[in-house]
Amino acid sequence: MDYSRVFAMTFASVYPLYIQKVERKGRTKEELDEVLRWLTGYTKRKFEAQIKSEVSLEEFFRQAPEVHPAAEKITGLICGIRIEEIADPLMQVIRRMDKVVDELAKGRPMEKIKRV
C-alpha cells in the first residue's frame, strides 16, 4: 500500500485536529502534549519547534528522539485496521499516535494510555 500521501502531511496540520478532538471530549491540550511527547521522546521545547517548523509526519517521527518502548503495547483497531498488522513501521507508529489520541479523547486514564 502507498502511504506517501500520509507521510507527507505536516504534523502542524494534524496537531490542531488532535487538539479539537480531545478538547471536545473534555481533555486538555496539555494532556495531549504529554501523551505525544511520551510517545515520541520530544522535550517540550523540541516538540513545539517541530510544530512551528511544519515538518512532515515522516520527518516528525524520523527526528523523534525515541519512540517509547511501551508503544509496542498499543494495539487494536484504528480506522478499521489492526495496528499490529500494519507492515510499514512508520505507518504503524502514526496509527499508534492516532490510537493514543483516541484513548485520551475517550477519557482513558493517562497511566493506561502510557501502558504503565
PDB file of N, CA and C in Angstrom:
ATOM      1  N   MET A   1       0.843  -1.185   0.000  1.00  0.00           N
ATOM      2  CA  MET A   1       0.000   0.000   0.000  1.00  0.00           C
ATOM      3  C   MET A   1       0.886   1.246   0.000  1.00  0.00           C
ATOM      4  N   ASP A   2       0.470   2.266  -0.712  1.00  0.00           N
ATOM      5  CA  ASP A   2       1.244   3.502  -0.816  1.00  0.00           C
ATOM      6  C   ASP A   2       0.764   4.505   0.235  1.00  0.00           C
ATOM      7  N   TYR A   3       1.634   4.769   1.197  1.00  0.00           N
ATOM      8  CA  TYR A   3       1.305   5.695   2.275  1.00  0.00           C
ATOM      9  C   TYR A   3       1.955   7.056   2.086  1.00  0.00           C
ATOM     10  N   SER A   4       2.545   7.317   0.943  1.00  0.00           N
ATOM     11  CA  SER A   4       3.335   8.540   0.741  1.00  0.00           C
ATOM     12  C   SER A   4       2.535   9.811   1.017  1.00  0.00           C
ATOM     13  N   ARG A   5       1.261   9.808   0.700  1.00  0.00           N
ATOM     14  CA  ARG A   5       0.433  10.992   0.954  1.00  0.00           C
ATOM     15  C   ARG A   5       0.313  11.274   2.456  1.00  0.00           C
ATOM     16  N   VAL A   6       0.135  10.223   3.228  1.00  0.00           N
ATOM     17  CA  VAL A   6       0.040  10.370   4.691  1.00  0.00           C
ATOM     18  C   VAL A   6       1.385  10.826   5.246  1.00  0.00           C
ATOM     19  N   PHE A   7       2.462  10.221   4.794  1.00  0.00           N
ATOM     20  CA  PHE A   7       3.797  10.559   5.293  1.00  0.00           C
ATOM     21  C   PHE A   7       4.144  12.018   5.001  1.00  0.00           C
ATOM     22  N   ALA A   8       3.626  12.559   3.911  1.00  0.00           N
ATOM     23  CA  ALA A   8       3.940  13.931   3.503  1.00  0.00           C
ATOM     24  C   ALA A   8       3.114  14.982   4.263  1.00  0.00           C
ATOM     25  N   MET A   9       2.046  14.563   4.911  1.00  0.00           N
ATOM     26  CA  MET A   9       1.237  15.515   5.686  1.00  0.00           C
ATOM     27  C   MET A   9       2.106  16.120   6.771  1.00  0.00           C
ATOM     28  N   THR A  10       1.887  17.407   7.044  1.00  0.00           N
ATOM     29  CA  THR A  10       2.676  18.025   8.102  1.00  0.00           C
ATOM     30  C   THR A  10       2.060  17.717   9.459  1.00  0.00           C
ATOM     31  N   PHE A  11       2.931  17.566  10.443  1.00  0.00           N
ATOM     32  CA  PHE A  11       2.446  17.366  11.804  1.00  0.00           C
ATOM     33  C   PHE A  11       1.645  18.583  12.239  1.00  0.00           C
ATOM     34  N   ALA A  12       2.076  19.761  11.814  1.00  0.00           N
ATOM     35  CA  ALA A  12       1.388  21.008  12.170  1.00  0.00           C
ATOM     36  C   ALA A  12      -0.047  21.046  11.641  1.00  0.00           C
ATOM     37  N   SER A  13      -0.341  20.317  10.577  1.00  0.00           N
ATOM     38  CA  SER A  13      -1.710  20.296  10.051  1.00  0.00           C
ATOM     39  C   SER A  13      -2.591  19.293  10.805  1.00  0.00           C
ATOM     40  N   VAL A  14      -1.989  18.255  11.352  1.00  0.00           N
ATOM     41  CA  VAL A  14      -2.729  17.222  12.074  1.00  0.00           C
ATOM     42  C   VAL A  14      -2.943  17.622  13.535  1.00  0.00           C
ATOM     43  N   TYR A  15      -1.962  18.279  14.100  1.00  0.00           N
ATOM     44  CA  TYR A  15      -1.974  18.631  15.524  1.00  0.00           C
ATOM     45  C   TYR A  15      -3.214  19.425  15.954  1.00  0.00           C
ATOM     46  N   PRO A  16      -3.633  20.479  15.226  1.00  0.00           N
ATOM     47  CA  PRO A  16      -4.846  21.205  15.646  1.00  0.00           C
ATOM     48  C   PRO A  16      -6.104  20.322  15.637  1.00  0.00           C
ATOM     49  N   LEU A  17      -6.142  19.346  14.749  1.00  0.00           N
ATOM     50  CA  LEU A  17      -7.277  18.425  14.717  1.00  0.00           C
ATOM     51  C   LEU A  17      -7.293  17.546  15.963  1.00  0.00           C
ATOM     52  N   TYR A  18      -6.105  17.133  16.389  1.00  0.00           N
ATOM     53  CA  TYR A  18      -5.998  16.370  17.631  1.00  0.00           C
ATOM     54  C   TYR A  18      -6.464  17.220  18.818  1.00  0.00           C
ATOM     55  N   ILE A  19      -6.048  18.479  18.852  1.00  0.00           N
ATOM     56  CA  ILE A  19      -6.453  19.376  19.940  1.00  0.00           C
ATOM     57  C   ILE A  19      -7.973  19.494  19.972  1.00  0.00           C
ATOM     58  N   GLN A  20      -8.575  19.744  18.824  1.00  0.00           N
ATOM     59  CA  GLN A  20     -10.038  19.872  18.755  1.00  0.00           C
ATOM     60  C   GLN A  20     -10.715  18.599  19.262  1.00  0.00           C
ATOM     61  N   LYS A  21     -10.203  17.464  18.842  1.00  0.00           N
ATOM     62  CA  LYS A  21     -10.805  16.189  19.220  1.00  0.00           C
ATOM     63  C   LYS A  21     -10.792  15.989  20.733  1.00  0.00           C
ATOM     64  N   VAL A  22      -9.639  16.207  21.365  1.00  0.00           N
ATOM     65  CA  VAL A  22      -9.566  15.958  22.802  1.00  0.00           C
ATOM     66  C   VAL A  22     -10.312  17.021  23.606  1.00  0.00           C
ATOM     67  N   GLU A  23     -10.271  18.268  23.154  1.00  0.00           N
ATOM     68  CA  GLU A  23     -10.972  19.328  23.886  1.00  0.00           C
ATOM     69  C   GLU A  23     -12.487  19.166  23.809  1.00  0.00           C
ATOM     70  N   ARG A  24     -12.996  18.676  22.682  1.00  0.00           N
ATOM     71  CA  ARG A  24     -14.436  18.408  22.555  1.00  0.00           C
ATOM     72  C   ARG A  24     -14.893  17.387  23.590  1.00  0.00           C
ATOM     73  N   LYS A  25     -13.977  16.516  23.988  1.00  0.00           N
ATOM     74  CA  LYS A  25     -14.306  15.459  24.940  1.00  0.00           C
ATOM     75  C   LYS A  25     -13.881  15.786  26.368  1.00  0.00           C
ATOM     76  N   GLY A  26     -13.504  17.049  26.599  1.00  0.00           N
ATOM     77  CA  GLY A  26     -13.194  17.470  27.964  1.00  0.00           C
ATOM     78  C   GLY A  26     -11.753  17.279  28.409  1.00  0.00           C
ATOM     79  N   ARG A  27     -10.878  16.897  27.504  1.00  0.00           N
ATOM     80  CA  ARG A  27      -9.461  16.777  27.851  1.00  0.00           C
ATOM     81  C   ARG A  27      -8.749  18.058  27.423  1.00  0.00           C
ATOM     82  N   THR A  28      -7.476  18.199  27.789  1.00  0.00           N
ATOM     83  CA  THR A  28      -6.760  19.448  27.529  1.00  0.00           C
ATOM     84  C   THR A  28      -5.621  19.278  26.529  1.00  0.00           C
ATOM     85  N   LYS A  29      -5.210  20.412  25.979  1.00  0.00           N
ATOM     86  CA  LYS A  29      -4.056  20.453  25.084  1.00  0.00           C
ATOM     87  C   LYS A  29      -2.815  19.965  25.830  1.00  0.00           C
ATOM     88  N   GLU A  30      -2.689  20.319  27.097  1.00  0.00           N
ATOM     89  CA  GLU A  30      -1.543  19.909  27.904  1.00  0.00           C
ATOM     90  C   GLU A  30      -1.489  18.388  28.035  1.00  0.00           C
ATOM     91  N   GLU A  31      -2.650  17.756  28.231  1.00  0.00           N
ATOM     92  CA  GLU A  31      -2.688  16.292  28.307  1.00  0.00           C
ATOM     93  C   GLU A  31      -2.305  15.685  26.970  1.00  0.00           C
ATOM     94  N   LEU A  32      -2.787  16.271  25.883  1.00  0.00           N
ATOM     95  CA  LEU A  32      -2.434  15.799  24.550  1.00  0.00           C
ATOM     96  C   LEU A  32      -0.923  15.898  24.345  1.00  0.00           C
ATOM     97  N   ASP A  33      -0.359  17.043  24.686  1.00  0.00           N
ATOM     98  CA  ASP A  33       1.078  17.236  24.530  1.00  0.00           C
ATOM     99  C   ASP A  33       1.860  16.211  25.350  1.00  0.00           C
ATOM    100  N   GLU A  34       1.397  15.957  26.557  1.00  0.00           N
ATOM    101  CA  GLU A  34       2.065  14.977  27.425  1.00  0.00           C
ATOM    102  C   GLU A  34       2.093  13.598  26.764  1.00  0.00           C
ATOM    103  N   VAL A  35       0.970  13.179  26.218  1.00  0.00           N
ATOM    104  CA  VAL A  35       0.884  11.864  25.583  1.00  0.00           C
ATOM    105  C   VAL A  35       1.765  11.810  24.329  1.00  0.00           C
ATOM    106  N   LEU A  36       1.720  12.851  23.517  1.00  0.00           N
ATOM    107  CA  LEU A  36       2.509  12.840  22.280  1.00  0.00           C
ATOM    108  C   LEU A  36       4.005  12.915  22.580  1.00  0.00           C
ATOM    109  N   ARG A  37       4.383  13.674  23.598  1.00  0.00           N
ATOM    110  CA  ARG A  37       5.805  13.729  23.979  1.00  0.00           C
ATOM    111  C   ARG A  37       6.243  12.395  24.582  1.00  0.00           C
ATOM    112  N   TRP A  38       5.368  11.755  25.331  1.00  0.00           N
ATOM    113  CA  TRP A  38       5.673  10.422  25.868  1.00  0.00           C
ATOM    114  C   TRP A  38       5.944   9.454  24.722  1.00  0.00           C
ATOM    115  N   LEU A  39       5.087   9.482  23.724  1.00  0.00           N
ATOM    116  CA  LEU A  39       5.215   8.557  22.604  1.00  0.00           C
ATOM    117  C   LEU A  39       6.506   8.783  21.819  1.00  0.00           C
ATOM    118  N   THR A  40       6.877  10.044  21.618  1.00  0.00           N
ATOM    119  CA  THR A  40       7.984  10.374  20.715  1.00  0.00           C
ATOM    120  C   THR A  40       9.312  10.681  21.404  1.00  0.00           C
ATOM    121  N   GLY A  41       9.292  10.985  22.680  1.00  0.00           N
ATOM    122  CA  GLY A  41      10.517  11.313  23.381  1.00  0.00           C
ATOM    123  C   GLY A  41      10.957  12.762  23.255  1.00  0.00           C
ATOM    124  N   TYR A  42      10.151  13.587  22.601  1.00  0.00           N
ATOM    125  CA  TYR A  42      10.495  15.008  22.468  1.00  0.00           C
ATOM    126  C   TYR A  42      10.388  15.722  23.813  1.00  0.00           C
ATOM    127  N   THR A  43      11.266  16.701  24.028  1.00  0.00           N
ATOM    128  CA  THR A  43      11.108  17.613  25.147  1.00  0.00           C
ATOM    129  C   THR A  43      10.022  18.613  24.750  1.00  0.00           C
ATOM    130  N   LYS A  44       9.544  19.369  25.711  1.00  0.00           N
ATOM    131  CA  LYS A  44       8.506  20.365  25.416  1.00  0.00           C
ATOM    132  C   LYS A  44       8.994  21.358  24.368  1.00  0.00           C
ATOM    133  N   ARG A  45      10.216  21.841  24.537  1.00  0.00           N
ATOM    134  CA  ARG A  45      10.771  22.839  23.615  1.00  0.00           C
ATOM    135  C   ARG A  45      10.935  22.269  22.200  1.00  0.00           C
ATOM    136  N   LYS A  46      11.453  21.067  22.105  1.00  0.00           N
ATOM    137  CA  LYS A  46      11.664  20.467  20.772  1.00  0.00           C
ATOM    138  C   LYS A  46      10.336  20.082  20.111  1.00  0.00           C
ATOM    139  N   PHE A  47       9.378  19.679  20.934  1.00  0.00           N
ATOM    140  CA  PHE A  47       8.053  19.348  20.408  1.00  0.00           C
ATOM    141  C   PHE A  47       7.425  20.587  19.784  1.00  0.00           C
ATOM    142  N   GLU A  48       7.473  21.709  20.494  1.00  0.00           N
ATOM    143  CA  GLU A  48       6.919  22.959  19.974  1.00  0.00           C
ATOM    144  C   GLU A  48       7.661  23.420  18.722  1.00  0.00           C
ATOM    145  N   ALA A  49       8.972  23.189  18.682  1.00  0.00           N
ATOM    146  CA  ALA A  49       9.756  23.558  17.498  1.00  0.00           C
ATOM    147  C   ALA A  49       9.333  22.723  16.283  1.00  0.00           C
ATOM    148  N   GLN A  50       9.002  21.468  16.504  1.00  0.00           N
ATOM    149  CA  GLN A  50       8.551  20.605  15.403  1.00  0.00           C
ATOM    150  C   GLN A  50       7.233  21.122  14.821  1.00  0.00           C
ATOM    151  N   ILE A  51       6.360  21.591  15.679  1.00  0.00           N
ATOM    152  CA  ILE A  51       5.081  22.127  15.211  1.00  0.00           C
ATOM    153  C   ILE A  51       5.330  23.376  14.371  1.00  0.00           C
ATOM    154  N   LYS A  52       6.166  24.274  14.867  1.00  0.00           N
ATOM    155  CA  LYS A  52       6.449  25.529  14.157  1.00  0.00           C
ATOM    156  C   LYS A  52       7.181  25.316  12.841  1.00  0.00           C
ATOM    157  N   SER A  53       8.022  24.300  12.774  1.00  0.00           N
ATOM    158  CA  SER A  53       8.813  24.085  11.558  1.00  0.00           C
ATOM    159  C   SER A  53       8.016  23.385  10.450  1.00  0.00           C
ATOM    160  N   GLU A  54       6.818  22.931  10.784  1.00  0.00           N
ATOM    161  CA  GLU A  54       5.924  22.286   9.821  1.00  0.00           C
ATOM    162  C   GLU A  54       6.575  21.106   9.096  1.00  0.00           C
ATOM    163  N   VAL A  55       7.207  20.229   9.868  1.00  0.00           N
ATOM    164  CA  VAL A  55       7.807  19.031   9.295  1.00  0.00           C
ATOM    165  C   VAL A  55       6.713  18.040   8.909  1.00  0.00           C
ATOM    166  N   SER A  56       7.031  17.171   7.978  1.00  0.00           N
ATOM    167  CA  SER A  56       6.102  16.111   7.585  1.00  0.00           C
ATOM    168  C   SER A  56       6.001  15.095   8.721  1.00  0.00           C
ATOM    169  N   LEU A  57       4.967  14.274   8.676  1.00  0.00           N
ATOM    170  CA  LEU A  57       4.845  13.212   9.674  1.00  0.00           C
ATOM    171  C   LEU A  57       6.057  12.292   9.614  1.00  0.00           C
ATOM    172  N   GLU A  58       6.539  12.044   8.414  1.00  0.00           N
ATOM    173  CA  GLU A  58       7.724  11.192   8.260  1.00  0.00           C
ATOM    174  C   GLU A  58       8.919  11.799   8.992  1.00  0.00           C
ATOM    175  N   GLU A  59       9.158  13.089   8.787  1.00  0.00           N
ATOM    176  CA  GLU A  59      10.282  13.760   9.449  1.00  0.00           C
ATOM    177  C   GLU A  59      10.044  13.887  10.951  1.00  0.00           C
ATOM    178  N   PHE A  60       8.810  14.125  11.342  1.00  0.00           N
ATOM    179  CA  PHE A  60       8.478  14.239  12.758  1.00  0.00           C
ATOM    180  C   PHE A  60       8.911  12.979  13.502  1.00  0.00           C
ATOM    181  N   PHE A  61       8.609  11.822  12.952  1.00  0.00           N
ATOM    182  CA  PHE A  61       8.985  10.572  13.608  1.00  0.00           C
ATOM    183  C   PHE A  61      10.440  10.205  13.365  1.00  0.00           C
ATOM    184  N   ARG A  62      10.985  10.543  12.226  1.00  0.00           N
ATOM    185  CA  ARG A  62      12.397  10.272  11.958  1.00  0.00           C
ATOM    186  C   ARG A  62      13.283  11.070  12.917  1.00  0.00           C
ATOM    187  N   GLN A  63      12.887  12.303  13.233  1.00  0.00           N
ATOM    188  CA  GLN A  63      13.671  13.163  14.113  1.00  0.00           C
ATOM    189  C   GLN A  63      13.350  12.944  15.602  1.00  0.00           C
ATOM    190  N   ALA A  64      12.331  12.155  15.879  1.00  0.00           N
ATOM    191  CA  ALA A  64      11.948  11.909  17.275  1.00  0.00           C
ATOM    192  C   ALA A  64      13.107  11.244  18.018  1.00  0.00           C
ATOM    193  N   PRO A  65      13.391  11.713  19.228  1.00  0.00           N
ATOM    194  CA  PRO A  65      14.484  11.119  19.990  1.00  0.00           C
ATOM    195  C   PRO A  65      14.359   9.605  20.134  1.00  0.00           C
ATOM    196  N   GLU A  66      13.165   9.139  20.500  1.00  0.00           N
ATOM    197  CA  GLU A  66      12.945   7.701  20.627  1.00  0.00           C
ATOM    198  C   GLU A  66      11.457   7.445  20.813  1.00  0.00           C
ATOM    199  N   VAL A  67      10.911   6.574  19.967  1.00  0.00           N
ATOM    200  CA  VAL A  67       9.534   6.147  20.194  1.00  0.00           C
ATOM    201  C   VAL A  67       9.574   5.285  21.451  1.00  0.00           C
ATOM    202  N   HIS A  68       8.693   5.582  22.388  1.00  0.00           N
ATOM    203  CA  HIS A  68       8.708   4.897  23.680  1.00  0.00           C
ATOM    204  C   HIS A  68       8.606   3.385  23.488  1.00  0.00           C
ATOM    205  N   PRO A  69       9.431   2.617  24.201  1.00  0.00           N
ATOM    206  CA  PRO A  69       9.385   1.152  24.066  1.00  0.00           C
ATOM    207  C   PRO A  69       8.006   0.553  24.363  1.00  0.00           C
ATOM    208  N   ALA A  70       7.246   1.177  25.252  1.00  0.00           N
ATOM    209  CA  ALA A  70       5.909   0.675  25.577  1.00  0.00           C
ATOM    210  C   ALA A  70       4.911   0.893  24.448  1.00  0.00           C
ATOM    211  N   ALA A  71       5.303   1.655  23.425  1.00  0.00           N
ATOM    212  CA  ALA A  71       4.401   1.901  22.295  1.00  0.00           C
ATOM    213  C   ALA A  71       4.025   0.602  21.589  1.00  0.00           C
ATOM    214  N   GLU A  72       4.876  -0.404  21.688  1.00  0.00           N
ATOM    215  CA  GLU A  72       4.554  -1.698  21.075  1.00  0.00           C
ATOM    216  C   GLU A  72       3.311  -2.327  21.691  1.00  0.00           C
ATOM    217  N   LYS A  73       2.967  -1.898  22.901  1.00  0.00           N
ATOM    218  CA  LYS A  73       1.776  -2.424  23.577  1.00  0.00           C
ATOM    219  C   LYS A  73       0.496  -1.759  23.086  1.00  0.00           C
ATOM    220  N   ILE A  74       0.628  -0.731  22.239  1.00  0.00           N
ATOM    221  CA  ILE A  74      -0.549  -0.045  21.698  1.00  0.00           C
ATOM    222  C   ILE A  74      -1.055  -0.878  20.531  1.00  0.00           C
ATOM    223  N   THR A  75      -2.158  -1.544  20.755  1.00  0.00           N
ATOM    224  CA  THR A  75      -2.727  -2.438  19.749  1.00  0.00           C
ATOM    225  C   THR A  75      -4.198  -2.118  19.563  1.00  0.00           C
ATOM    226  N   GLY A  76      -4.812  -2.814  18.649  1.00  0.00           N
ATOM    227  CA  GLY A  76      -6.243  -2.641  18.424  1.00  0.00           C
ATOM    228  C   GLY A  76      -6.521  -2.075  17.056  1.00  0.00           C
ATOM    229  N   LEU A  77      -7.752  -1.670  16.862  1.00  0.00           N
ATOM    230  CA  LEU A  77      -8.196  -1.165  15.571  1.00  0.00           C
ATOM    231  C   LEU A  77      -8.160   0.351  15.528  1.00  0.00           C
ATOM    232  N   ILE A  78      -7.726   0.863  14.396  1.00  0.00           N
ATOM    233  CA  ILE A  78      -7.811   2.287  14.111  1.00  0.00           C
ATOM    234  C   ILE A  78      -8.185   2.394  12.640  1.00  0.00           C
ATOM    235  N   CYS A  79      -9.267   3.077  12.373  1.00  0.00           N
ATOM    236  CA  CYS A  79      -9.797   3.177  11.006  1.00  0.00           C
ATOM    237  C   CYS A  79     -10.047   1.797  10.401  1.00  0.00           C
ATOM    238  N   GLY A  80     -10.470   0.852  11.233  1.00  0.00           N
ATOM    239  CA  GLY A  80     -10.796  -0.487  10.764  1.00  0.00           C
ATOM    240  C   GLY A  80      -9.612  -1.376  10.462  1.00  0.00           C
ATOM    241  N   ILE A  81      -8.417  -0.915  10.797  1.00  0.00           N
ATOM    242  CA  ILE A  81      -7.201  -1.688  10.516  1.00  0.00           C
ATOM    243  C   ILE A  81      -6.517  -2.002  11.844  1.00  0.00           C
ATOM    244  N   ARG A  82      -6.121  -3.250  12.011  1.00  0.00           N
ATOM    245  CA  ARG A  82      -5.440  -3.668  13.226  1.00  0.00           C
ATOM    246  C   ARG A  82      -4.012  -3.137  13.197  1.00  0.00           C
ATOM    247  N   ILE A  83      -3.664  -2.331  14.196  1.00  0.00           N
ATOM    248  CA  ILE A  83      -2.357  -1.659  14.253  1.00  0.00           C
ATOM    249  C   ILE A  83      -1.205  -2.644  14.153  1.00  0.00           C
ATOM    250  N   GLU A  84      -1.277  -3.717  14.896  1.00  0.00           N
ATOM    251  CA  GLU A  84      -0.165  -4.663  14.941  1.00  0.00           C
ATOM    252  C   GLU A  84       0.043  -5.416  13.631  1.00  0.00           C
ATOM    253  N   GLU A  85      -0.890  -5.312  12.694  1.00  0.00           N
ATOM    254  CA  GLU A  85      -0.760  -5.983  11.399  1.00  0.00           C
ATOM    255  C   GLU A  85      -0.257  -5.055  10.294  1.00  0.00           C
ATOM    256  N   ILE A  86      -0.032  -3.790  10.604  1.00  0.00           N
ATOM    257  CA  ILE A  86       0.489  -2.852   9.614  1.00  0.00           C
ATOM    258  C   ILE A  86       1.960  -3.162   9.403  1.00  0.00           C
ATOM    259  N   ALA A  87       2.325  -3.436   8.156  1.00  0.00           N
ATOM    260  CA  ALA A  87       3.700  -3.854   7.845  1.00  0.00           C
ATOM    261  C   ALA A  87       4.696  -2.702   7.882  1.00  0.00           C
ATOM    262  N   ASP A  88       4.288  -1.531   7.438  1.00  0.00           N
ATOM    263  CA  ASP A  88       5.205  -0.394   7.376  1.00  0.00           C
ATOM    264  C   ASP A  88       5.405   0.181   8.784  1.00  0.00           C
ATOM    265  N   PRO A  89       6.652   0.210   9.285  1.00  0.00           N
ATOM    266  CA  PRO A  89       6.885   0.684  10.656  1.00  0.00           C
ATOM    267  C   PRO A  89       6.492   2.144  10.883  1.00  0.00           C
ATOM    268  N   LEU A  90       6.686   3.005   9.896  1.00  0.00           N
ATOM    269  CA  LEU A  90       6.303   4.404  10.050  1.00  0.00           C
ATOM    270  C   LEU A  90       4.788   4.539  10.126  1.00  0.00           C
ATOM    271  N   MET A  91       4.083   3.861   9.256  1.00  0.00           N
ATOM    272  CA  MET A  91       2.620   3.929   9.288  1.00  0.00           C
ATOM    273  C   MET A  91       2.087   3.340  10.597  1.00  0.00           C
ATOM    274  N   GLN A  92       2.759   2.326  11.090  1.00  0.00           N
ATOM    275  CA  GLN A  92       2.342   1.714  12.344  1.00  0.00           C
ATOM    276  C   GLN A  92       2.452   2.705  13.495  1.00  0.00           C
ATOM    277  N   VAL A  93       3.540   3.460  13.564  1.00  0.00           N
ATOM    278  CA  VAL A  93       3.700   4.424  14.659  1.00  0.00           C
ATOM    279  C   VAL A  93       2.749   5.612  14.487  1.00  0.00           C
ATOM    280  N   ILE A  94       2.447   5.992  13.260  1.00  0.00           N
ATOM    281  CA  ILE A  94       1.461   7.055  13.023  1.00  0.00           C
ATOM    282  C   ILE A  94       0.091   6.602  13.528  1.00  0.00           C
ATOM    283  N   ARG A  95      -0.259   5.365  13.255  1.00  0.00           N
ATOM    284  CA  ARG A  95      -1.549   4.834  13.721  1.00  0.00           C
ATOM    285  C   ARG A  95      -1.564   4.666  15.237  1.00  0.00           C
ATOM    286  N   ARG A  96      -0.415   4.363  15.818  1.00  0.00           N
ATOM    287  CA  ARG A  96      -0.343   4.297  17.283  1.00  0.00           C
ATOM    288  C   ARG A  96      -0.569   5.683  17.879  1.00  0.00           C
ATOM    289  N   MET A  97      -0.052   6.705  17.214  1.00  0.00           N
ATOM    290  CA  MET A  97      -0.293   8.070  17.667  1.00  0.00           C
ATOM    291  C   MET A  97      -1.798   8.366  17.600  1.00  0.00           C
ATOM    292  N   ASP A  98      -2.439   8.000  16.498  1.00  0.00           N
ATOM    293  CA  ASP A  98      -3.888   8.193  16.382  1.00  0.00           C
ATOM    294  C   ASP A  98      -4.626   7.471  17.511  1.00  0.00           C
ATOM    295  N   LYS A  99      -4.172   6.270  17.823  1.00  0.00           N
ATOM    296  CA  LYS A  99      -4.829   5.461  18.851  1.00  0.00           C
ATOM    297  C   LYS A  99      -4.730   6.104  20.232  1.00  0.00           C
ATOM    298  N   VAL A 100      -3.547   6.622  20.597  1.00  0.00           N
ATOM    299  CA  VAL A 100      -3.428   7.241  21.925  1.00  0.00           C
ATOM    300  C   VAL A 100      -4.245   8.530  22.007  1.00  0.00           C
ATOM    301  N   VAL A 101      -4.359   9.239  20.887  1.00  0.00           N
ATOM    302  CA  VAL A 101      -5.205  10.434  20.868  1.00  0.00           C
ATOM    303  C   VAL A 101      -6.668  10.019  21.067  1.00  0.00           C
ATOM    304  N   ASP A 102      -7.086   8.960  20.398  1.00  0.00           N
ATOM    305  CA  ASP A 102      -8.454   8.447  20.586  1.00  0.00           C
ATOM    306  C   ASP A 102      -8.694   8.037  22.036  1.00  0.00           C
ATOM    307  N   GLU A 103      -7.735   7.343  22.622  1.00  0.00           N
ATOM    308  CA  GLU A 103      -7.882   6.900  24.006  1.00  0.00           C
ATOM    309  C   GLU A 103      -7.988   8.088  24.958  1.00  0.00           C
ATOM    310  N   LEU A 104      -7.184   9.118  24.717  1.00  0.00           N
ATOM    311  CA  LEU A 104      -7.248  10.328  25.536  1.00  0.00           C
ATOM    312  C   LEU A 104      -8.626  10.968  25.412  1.00  0.00           C
ATOM    313  N   ALA A 105      -9.115  11.088  24.181  1.00  0.00           N
ATOM    314  CA  ALA A 105     -10.423  11.698  23.942  1.00  0.00           C
ATOM    315  C   ALA A 105     -11.555  10.899  24.582  1.00  0.00           C
ATOM    316  N   LYS A 106     -11.373   9.601  24.676  1.00  0.00           N
ATOM    317  CA  LYS A 106     -12.411   8.753  25.265  1.00  0.00           C
ATOM    318  C   LYS A 106     -12.357   8.729  26.787  1.00  0.00           C
ATOM    319  N   GLY A 107     -11.405   9.471  27.365  1.00  0.00           N
ATOM    320  CA  GLY A 107     -11.353   9.577  28.812  1.00  0.00           C
ATOM    321  C   GLY A 107     -10.519   8.524  29.511  1.00  0.00           C
ATOM    322  N   ARG A 108      -9.745   7.783  28.769  1.00  0.00           N
ATOM    323  CA  ARG A 108      -8.906   6.757  29.386  1.00  0.00           C
ATOM    324  C   ARG A 108      -7.870   7.418  30.290  1.00  0.00           C
ATOM    325  N   PRO A 109      -7.606   6.842  31.457  1.00  0.00           N
ATOM    326  CA  PRO A 109      -6.611   7.417  32.364  1.00  0.00           C
ATOM    327  C   PRO A 109      -5.214   7.453  31.724  1.00  0.00           C
ATOM    328  N   MET A 110      -4.470   8.492  32.061  1.00  0.00           N
ATOM    329  CA  MET A 110      -3.148   8.708  31.485  1.00  0.00           C
ATOM    330  C   MET A 110      -2.222   7.506  31.678  1.00  0.00           C
ATOM    331  N   GLU A 111      -2.233   6.900  32.864  1.00  0.00           N
ATOM    332  CA  GLU A 111      -1.331   5.777  33.102  1.00  0.00           C
ATOM    333  C   GLU A 111      -1.653   4.567  32.223  1.00  0.00           C
ATOM    334  N   LYS A 112      -2.921   4.411  31.860  1.00  0.00           N
ATOM    335  CA  LYS A 112      -3.284   3.318  30.954  1.00  0.00           C
ATOM    336  C   LYS A 112      -2.906   3.641  29.515  1.00  0.00           C
ATOM    337  N   ILE A 113      -3.039   4.903  29.127  1.00  0.00           N
ATOM    338  CA  ILE A 113      -2.635   5.311  27.790  1.00  0.00           C
ATOM    339  C   ILE A 113      -1.137   5.067  27.618  1.00  0.00           C
ATOM    340  N   LYS A 114      -0.375   5.377  28.676  1.00  0.00           N
ATOM    341  CA  LYS A 114       1.083   5.209  28.633  1.00  0.00           C
ATOM    342  C   LYS A 114       1.522   3.774  28.880  1.00  0.00           C
ATOM    343  N   ARG A 115       0.575   2.894  29.073  1.00  0.00           N
ATOM    344  CA  ARG A 115       0.858   1.470  29.288  1.00  0.00           C
ATOM    345  C   ARG A 115       1.786   1.248  30.467  1.00  0.00           C
ATOM    346  N   VAL A 116       1.537   1.984  31.559  1.00  0.00           N
ATOM    347  CA  VAL A 116       2.375   1.863  32.774  1.00  0.00           C
ATOM    348  C   VAL A 116       1.961   0.631  33.548  1.00  0.00           C
TER     349      VAL A 116
END
